[in-house]
Structures are given as structure tokens and as C-alpha cells.
Amino acid sequence: MKSFELERHGRILEGFYEGYFVKLHDDSENTGGFYILIVDDLVSPTDGGDYWVKDMAELELFVDSSRWKVKWL
């Protein structure tokens, strides 16, 4: 069961990268997969990173393994 939203910012309340913001971007038209974009601040980020997964199944595994509780904005 999907416990996340695509194309929307969320604040990570618990789990890996707690306190950071996340956005899950569907890039299937270009790369066939999804980007996970993580930043410490939405206005002036100074830290963060990105990950790429090949499909929805891998995205679900990534989110589950991160043990995130996210407040979607």
C-alpha cells in the first residue's frame, strides 16, 4: 500500500533524514523511473541530495526502508 504522494513536498517527521523535506518526482517520461529529492530547507537549501529508482516497486521499498513519517504540505 502506497503511503506517500508524488510531486508534492513533505516534511520528514521521523526516519532517515528527519527534519528534512522530500519530494518524490515521477520522471518516467525521461528516465523511466522516479527521483527522491531531499533538502534541508525549501527556500534556501544548504544540504540534501537525490536518489533515483527504476520503478514504483523500488520507490515503495525505498520509502518503506527509510521508515519515514511525512507531513505532506
PDB file of N, CA and C in Angstrom:
ATOM      1  N   MET A   1       0.838  -1.185   0.000  1.00  0.00           N
ATOM      2  CA  MET A   1       0.000   0.000   0.000  1.00  0.00           C
ATOM      3  C   MET A   1       0.881   1.246   0.000  1.00  0.00           C
ATOM      4  N   LYS A   2       0.577   2.170  -0.870  1.00  0.00           N
ATOM      5  CA  LYS A   2       1.350   3.390  -1.025  1.00  0.00           C
ATOM      6  C   LYS A   2       1.058   4.351   0.120  1.00  0.00           C
ATOM      7  N   SER A   3       2.101   4.770   0.834  1.00  0.00           N
ATOM      8  CA  SER A   3       1.932   5.694   1.956  1.00  0.00           C
ATOM      9  C   SER A   3       2.653   7.014   1.678  1.00  0.00           C
ATOM     10  N   PHE A   4       2.682   7.418   0.409  1.00  0.00           N
ATOM     11  CA  PHE A   4       3.380   8.639   0.034  1.00  0.00           C
ATOM     12  C   PHE A   4       2.674   9.293  -1.141  1.00  0.00           C
ATOM     13  N   GLU A   5       3.078  10.526  -1.429  1.00  0.00           N
ATOM     14  CA  GLU A   5       2.471  11.271  -2.526  1.00  0.00           C
ATOM     15  C   GLU A   5       3.552  11.706  -3.499  1.00  0.00           C
ATOM     16  N   LEU A   6       3.230  11.699  -4.770  1.00  0.00           N
ATOM     17  CA  LEU A   6       4.157  12.144  -5.801  1.00  0.00           C
ATOM     18  C   LEU A   6       3.958  13.638  -6.067  1.00  0.00           C
ATOM     19  N   GLU A   7       5.034  14.280  -6.507  1.00  0.00           N
ATOM     20  CA  GLU A   7       5.006  15.682  -6.945  1.00  0.00           C
ATOM     21  C   GLU A   7       4.515  16.651  -5.869  1.00  0.00           C
ATOM     22  N   ARG A   8       4.805  16.337  -4.620  1.00  0.00           N
ATOM     23  CA  ARG A   8       4.376  17.191  -3.508  1.00  0.00           C
ATOM     24  C   ARG A   8       5.471  17.191  -2.456  1.00  0.00           C
ATOM     25  N   HIS A   9       5.779  18.343  -1.886  1.00  0.00           N
ATOM     26  CA  HIS A   9       6.766  18.404  -0.814  1.00  0.00           C
ATOM     27  C   HIS A   9       6.176  17.883   0.487  1.00  0.00           C
ATOM     28  N   GLY A  10       7.033  17.287   1.290  1.00  0.00           N
ATOM     29  CA  GLY A  10       6.636  16.837   2.609  1.00  0.00           C
ATOM     30  C   GLY A  10       7.777  17.022   3.586  1.00  0.00           C
ATOM     31  N   ARG A  11       7.448  17.235   4.841  1.00  0.00           N
ATOM     32  CA  ARG A  11       8.449  17.357   5.912  1.00  0.00           C
ATOM     33  C   ARG A  11       8.604  15.985   6.553  1.00  0.00           C
ATOM     34  N   ILE A  12       9.848  15.494   6.633  1.00  0.00           N
ATOM     35  CA  ILE A  12      10.118  14.191   7.225  1.00  0.00           C
ATOM     36  C   ILE A  12      10.131  14.358   8.745  1.00  0.00           C
ATOM     37  N   LEU A  13       9.133  13.801   9.411  1.00  0.00           N
ATOM     38  CA  LEU A  13       8.988  13.932  10.858  1.00  0.00           C
ATOM     39  C   LEU A  13       9.735  12.840  11.610  1.00  0.00           C
ATOM     40  N   GLU A  14       9.874  11.675  10.999  1.00  0.00           N
ATOM     41  CA  GLU A  14      10.577  10.545  11.616  1.00  0.00           C
ATOM     42  C   GLU A  14      11.278   9.756  10.531  1.00  0.00           C
ATOM     43  N   GLY A  15      12.367   9.092  10.923  1.00  0.00           N
ATOM     44  CA  GLY A  15      13.090   8.238   9.998  1.00  0.00           C
ATOM     45  C   GLY A  15      14.356   8.892   9.483  1.00  0.00           C
ATOM     46  N   PHE A  16      14.944   8.273   8.479  1.00  0.00           N
ATOM     47  CA  PHE A  16      16.168   8.761   7.865  1.00  0.00           C
ATOM     48  C   PHE A  16      15.930  10.149   7.282  1.00  0.00           C
ATOM     49  N   TYR A  17      16.822  11.080   7.518  1.00  0.00           N
ATOM     50  CA  TYR A  17      16.704  12.486   7.101  1.00  0.00           C
ATOM     51  C   TYR A  17      15.610  13.227   7.874  1.00  0.00           C
ATOM     52  N   GLU A  18      15.382  12.851   9.116  1.00  0.00           N
ATOM     53  CA  GLU A  18      14.386  13.529   9.944  1.00  0.00           C
ATOM     54  C   GLU A  18      14.642  15.033   9.962  1.00  0.00           C
ATOM     55  N   GLY A  19      13.583  15.809   9.765  1.00  0.00           N
ATOM     56  CA  GLY A  19      13.678  17.261   9.756  1.00  0.00           C
ATOM     57  C   GLY A  19      13.869  17.853   8.365  1.00  0.00           C
ATOM     58  N   TYR A  20      14.217  17.015   7.404  1.00  0.00           N
ATOM     59  CA  TYR A  20      14.405  17.468   6.019  1.00  0.00           C
ATOM     60  C   TYR A  20      13.073  17.449   5.267  1.00  0.00           C
ATOM     61  N   PHE A  21      13.107  17.985   4.061  1.00  0.00           N
ATOM     62  CA  PHE A  21      11.951  17.960   3.172  1.00  0.00           C
ATOM     63  C   PHE A  21      12.216  16.976   2.043  1.00  0.00           C
ATOM     64  N   VAL A  22      11.149  16.343   1.568  1.00  0.00           N
ATOM     65  CA  VAL A  22      11.272  15.357   0.500  1.00  0.00           C
ATOM     66  C   VAL A  22      10.240  15.658  -0.583  1.00  0.00           C
ATOM     67  N   LYS A  23      10.619  15.363  -1.809  1.00  0.00           N
ATOM     68  CA  LYS A  23       9.683  15.401  -2.934  1.00  0.00           C
ATOM     69  C   LYS A  23       9.971  14.176  -3.789  1.00  0.00           C
ATOM     70  N   LEU A  24       8.941  13.439  -4.130  1.00  0.00           N
ATOM     71  CA  LEU A  24       9.060  12.248  -4.961  1.00  0.00           C
ATOM     72  C   LEU A  24       8.580  12.621  -6.359  1.00  0.00           C
ATOM     73  N   HIS A  25       9.503  12.622  -7.299  1.00  0.00           N
ATOM     74  CA  HIS A  25       9.227  13.117  -8.648  1.00  0.00           C
ATOM     75  C   HIS A  25       9.146  11.971  -9.653  1.00  0.00           C
ATOM     76  N   ASP A  26       8.029  11.902 -10.367  1.00  0.00           N
ATOM     77  CA  ASP A  26       7.833  10.905 -11.426  1.00  0.00           C
ATOM     78  C   ASP A  26       8.584  11.377 -12.675  1.00  0.00           C
ATOM     79  N   ASP A  27       9.659  10.703 -12.996  1.00  0.00           N
ATOM     80  CA  ASP A  27      10.471  11.061 -14.164  1.00  0.00           C
ATOM     81  C   ASP A  27      10.389   9.969 -15.226  1.00  0.00           C
ATOM     82  N   SER A  28       9.260   9.265 -15.241  1.00  0.00           N
ATOM     83  CA  SER A  28       9.115   8.118 -16.144  1.00  0.00           C
ATOM     84  C   SER A  28       9.209   8.499 -17.613  1.00  0.00           C
ATOM     85  N   GLU A  29       8.841   9.715 -17.969  1.00  0.00           N
ATOM     86  CA  GLU A  29       8.929  10.122 -19.375  1.00  0.00           C
ATOM     87  C   GLU A  29      10.373  10.285 -19.843  1.00  0.00           C
ATOM     88  N   ASN A  30      11.274  10.653 -18.930  1.00  0.00           N
ATOM     89  CA  ASN A  30      12.674  10.876 -19.304  1.00  0.00           C
ATOM     90  C   ASN A  30      13.588   9.698 -18.975  1.00  0.00           C
ATOM     91  N   THR A  31      13.522   9.220 -17.739  1.00  0.00           N
ATOM     92  CA  THR A  31      14.444   8.169 -17.304  1.00  0.00           C
ATOM     93  C   THR A  31      13.759   6.827 -17.076  1.00  0.00           C
ATOM     94  N   GLY A  32      12.434   6.840 -17.051  1.00  0.00           N
ATOM     95  CA  GLY A  32      11.693   5.618 -16.778  1.00  0.00           C
ATOM     96  C   GLY A  32      11.485   5.353 -15.308  1.00  0.00           C
ATOM     97  N   GLY A  33      12.035   6.222 -14.443  1.00  0.00           N
ATOM     98  CA  GLY A  33      11.950   5.968 -13.008  1.00  0.00           C
ATOM     99  C   GLY A  33      11.471   7.163 -12.214  1.00  0.00           C
ATOM    100  N   PHE A  34      11.907   7.209 -10.969  1.00  0.00           N
ATOM    101  CA  PHE A  34      11.482   8.234 -10.021  1.00  0.00           C
ATOM    102  C   PHE A  34      12.698   8.816  -9.313  1.00  0.00           C
ATOM    103  N   TYR A  35      12.667  10.128  -9.082  1.00  0.00           N
ATOM    104  CA  TYR A  35      13.684  10.789  -8.266  1.00  0.00           C
ATOM    105  C   TYR A  35      13.127  11.017  -6.873  1.00  0.00           C
ATOM    106  N   ILE A  36      13.984  10.842  -5.870  1.00  0.00           N
ATOM    107  CA  ILE A  36      13.688  11.193  -4.489  1.00  0.00           C
ATOM    108  C   ILE A  36      14.585  12.381  -4.179  1.00  0.00           C
ATOM    109  N   LEU A  37      13.992  13.550  -4.022  1.00  0.00           N
ATOM    110  CA  LEU A  37      14.738  14.791  -3.809  1.00  0.00           C
ATOM    111  C   LEU A  37      14.612  15.192  -2.348  1.00  0.00           C
ATOM    112  N   ILE A  38      15.746  15.427  -1.681  1.00  0.00           N
ATOM    113  CA  ILE A  38      15.765  15.711  -0.252  1.00  0.00           C
ATOM    114  C   ILE A  38      16.575  16.983  -0.015  1.00  0.00           C
ATOM    115  N   VAL A  39      15.990  17.928   0.723  1.00  0.00           N
ATOM    116  CA  VAL A  39      16.683  19.170   1.072  1.00  0.00           C
ATOM    117  C   VAL A  39      16.386  19.540   2.523  1.00  0.00           C
ATOM    118  N   ASP A  40      17.278  20.337   3.101  1.00  0.00           N
ATOM    119  CA  ASP A  40      17.090  20.759   4.486  1.00  0.00           C
ATOM    120  C   ASP A  40      16.188  21.982   4.621  1.00  0.00           C
ATOM    121  N   ASP A  41      15.991  22.731   3.539  1.00  0.00           N
ATOM    122  CA  ASP A  41      15.155  23.923   3.566  1.00  0.00           C
ATOM    123  C   ASP A  41      14.578  24.140   2.167  1.00  0.00           C
ATOM    124  N   LEU A  42      13.302  24.480   2.074  1.00  0.00           N
ATOM    125  CA  LEU A  42      12.672  24.661   0.768  1.00  0.00           C
ATOM    126  C   LEU A  42      13.060  25.976   0.105  1.00  0.00           C
ATOM    127  N   VAL A  43      13.357  27.005   0.885  1.00  0.00           N
ATOM    128  CA  VAL A  43      13.664  28.321   0.336  1.00  0.00           C
ATOM    129  C   VAL A  43      15.149  28.474   0.021  1.00  0.00           C
ATOM    130  N   SER A  44      15.995  28.124   0.983  1.00  0.00           N
ATOM    131  CA  SER A  44      17.452  28.280   0.823  1.00  0.00           C
ATOM    132  C   SER A  44      18.166  27.008   1.272  1.00  0.00           C
ATOM    133  N   PRO A  45      18.100  25.947   0.478  1.00  0.00           N
ATOM    134  CA  PRO A  45      18.732  24.692   0.904  1.00  0.00           C
ATOM    135  C   PRO A  45      20.253  24.805   0.961  1.00  0.00           C
ATOM    136  N   THR A  46      20.819  24.215   2.012  1.00  0.00           N
ATOM    137  CA  THR A  46      22.270  24.159   2.154  1.00  0.00           C
ATOM    138  C   THR A  46      22.772  22.721   2.231  1.00  0.00           C
ATOM    139  N   ASP A  47      21.845  21.783   2.328  1.00  0.00           N
ATOM    140  CA  ASP A  47      22.220  20.373   2.412  1.00  0.00           C
ATOM    141  C   ASP A  47      21.101  19.546   1.793  1.00  0.00           C
ATOM    142  N   GLY A  48      21.448  18.384   1.307  1.00  0.00           N
ATOM    143  CA  GLY A  48      20.450  17.492   0.733  1.00  0.00           C
ATOM    144  C   GLY A  48      21.071  16.547  -0.260  1.00  0.00           C
ATOM    145  N   GLY A  49      20.223  15.954  -1.052  1.00  0.00           N
ATOM    146  CA  GLY A  49      20.705  15.008  -2.042  1.00  0.00           C
ATOM    147  C   GLY A  49      19.544  14.458  -2.835  1.00  0.00           C
ATOM    148  N   ASP A  50      19.883  13.532  -3.714  1.00  0.00           N
ATOM    149  CA  ASP A  50      18.832  12.905  -4.504  1.00  0.00           C
ATOM    150  C   ASP A  50      19.175  11.446  -4.733  1.00  0.00           C
ATOM    151  N   TYR A  51      18.146  10.685  -4.974  1.00  0.00           N
ATOM    152  CA  TYR A  51      18.248   9.260  -5.287  1.00  0.00           C
ATOM    153  C   TYR A  51      17.377   9.010  -6.500  1.00  0.00           C
ATOM    154  N   TRP A  52      17.654   7.924  -7.198  1.00  0.00           N
ATOM    155  CA  TRP A  52      16.844   7.537  -8.340  1.00  0.00           C
ATOM    156  C   TRP A  52      16.528   6.063  -8.202  1.00  0.00           C
ATOM    157  N   VAL A  53      15.274   5.703  -8.484  1.00  0.00           N
ATOM    158  CA  VAL A  53      14.850   4.296  -8.502  1.00  0.00           C
ATOM    159  C   VAL A  53      14.160   4.023  -9.825  1.00  0.00           C
ATOM    160  N   LYS A  54      14.202   2.766 -10.251  1.00  0.00           N
ATOM    161  CA  LYS A  54      13.757   2.441 -11.618  1.00  0.00           C
ATOM    162  C   LYS A  54      12.259   2.287 -11.807  1.00  0.00           C
ATOM    163  N   ASP A  55      11.505   2.045 -10.712  1.00  0.00           N
ATOM    164  CA  ASP A  55      10.066   1.854 -10.877  1.00  0.00           C
ATOM    165  C   ASP A  55       9.328   2.057  -9.557  1.00  0.00           C
ATOM    166  N   MET A  56       8.007   1.957  -9.605  1.00  0.00           N
ATOM    167  CA  MET A  56       7.178   2.185  -8.427  1.00  0.00           C
ATOM    168  C   MET A  56       7.479   1.177  -7.315  1.00  0.00           C
ATOM    169  N   ALA A  57       7.763  -0.055  -7.671  1.00  0.00           N
ATOM    170  CA  ALA A  57       8.078  -1.069  -6.658  1.00  0.00           C
ATOM    171  C   ALA A  57       9.332  -0.675  -5.879  1.00  0.00           C
ATOM    172  N   GLU A  58      10.356  -0.204  -6.585  1.00  0.00           N
ATOM    173  CA  GLU A  58      11.581   0.227  -5.904  1.00  0.00           C
ATOM    174  C   GLU A  58      11.339   1.486  -5.083  1.00  0.00           C
ATOM    175  N   LEU A  59      10.490   2.373  -5.564  1.00  0.00           N
ATOM    176  CA  LEU A  59      10.167   3.576  -4.802  1.00  0.00           C
ATOM    177  C   LEU A  59       9.485   3.197  -3.487  1.00  0.00           C
ATOM    178  N   GLU A  60       8.538   2.274  -3.554  1.00  0.00           N
ATOM    179  CA  GLU A  60       7.859   1.820  -2.343  1.00  0.00           C
ATOM    180  C   GLU A  60       8.848   1.193  -1.364  1.00  0.00           C
ATOM    181  N   LEU A  61       9.780   0.394  -1.861  1.00  0.00           N
ATOM    182  CA  LEU A  61      10.812  -0.205  -0.998  1.00  0.00           C
ATOM    183  C   LEU A  61      11.702   0.863  -0.372  1.00  0.00           C
ATOM    184  N   PHE A  62      12.080   1.867  -1.156  1.00  0.00           N
ATOM    185  CA  PHE A  62      12.926   2.947  -0.653  1.00  0.00           C
ATOM    186  C   PHE A  62      12.230   3.689   0.483  1.00  0.00           C
ATOM    187  N   VAL A  63      10.979   4.069   0.256  1.00  0.00           N
ATOM    188  CA  VAL A  63      10.229   4.803   1.279  1.00  0.00           C
ATOM    189  C   VAL A  63      10.044   3.947   2.522  1.00  0.00           C
ATOM    190  N   ASP A  64       9.682   2.689   2.349  1.00  0.00           N
ATOM    191  CA  ASP A  64       9.493   1.791   3.497  1.00  0.00           C
ATOM    192  C   ASP A  64      10.791   1.621   4.286  1.00  0.00           C
ATOM    193  N   SER A  65      11.904   1.441   3.604  1.00  0.00           N
ATOM    194  CA  SER A  65      13.177   1.209   4.292  1.00  0.00           C
ATOM    195  C   SER A  65      13.685   2.474   4.983  1.00  0.00           C
ATOM    196  N   SER A  66      13.227   3.638   4.543  1.00  0.00           N
ATOM    197  CA  SER A  66      13.622   4.900   5.178  1.00  0.00           C
ATOM    198  C   SER A  66      12.859   5.146   6.474  1.00  0.00           C
ATOM    199  N   ARG A  67      11.795   4.367   6.688  1.00  0.00           N
ATOM    200  CA  ARG A  67      10.967   4.459   7.897  1.00  0.00           C
ATOM    201  C   ARG A  67      10.442   5.877   8.123  1.00  0.00           C
ATOM    202  N   TRP A  68      10.003   6.488   7.023  1.00  0.00           N
ATOM    203  CA  TRP A  68       9.544   7.865   7.080  1.00  0.00           C
ATOM    204  C   TRP A  68       8.134   7.998   7.614  1.00  0.00           C
ATOM    205  N   LYS A  69       7.958   9.010   8.430  1.00  0.00           N
ATOM    206  CA  LYS A  69       6.636   9.556   8.736  1.00  0.00           C
ATOM    207  C   LYS A  69       6.712  10.953   8.157  1.00  0.00           C
ATOM    208  N   VAL A  70       5.869  11.261   7.167  1.00  0.00           N
ATOM    209  CA  VAL A  70       5.949  12.524   6.444  1.00  0.00           C
ATOM    210  C   VAL A  70       4.649  13.302   6.605  1.00  0.00           C
ATOM    211  N   LYS A  71       4.800  14.606   6.848  1.00  0.00           N
ATOM    212  CA  LYS A  71       3.647  15.505   6.813  1.00  0.00           C
ATOM    213  C   LYS A  71       3.681  16.165   5.434  1.00  0.00           C
ATOM    214  N   TRP A  72       2.720  15.817   4.585  1.00  0.00           N
ATOM    215  CA  TRP A  72       2.678  16.352   3.229  1.00  0.00           C
ATOM    216  C   TRP A  72       2.141  17.770   3.248  1.00  0.00           C
ATOM    217  N   LEU A  73       2.831  18.646   2.550  1.00  0.00           N
ATOM    218  CA  LEU A  73       2.495  20.073   2.552  1.00  0.00           C
ATOM    219  C   LEU A  73       1.582  20.431   1.379  1.00  0.00           C
TER     220      LEU A  73
END
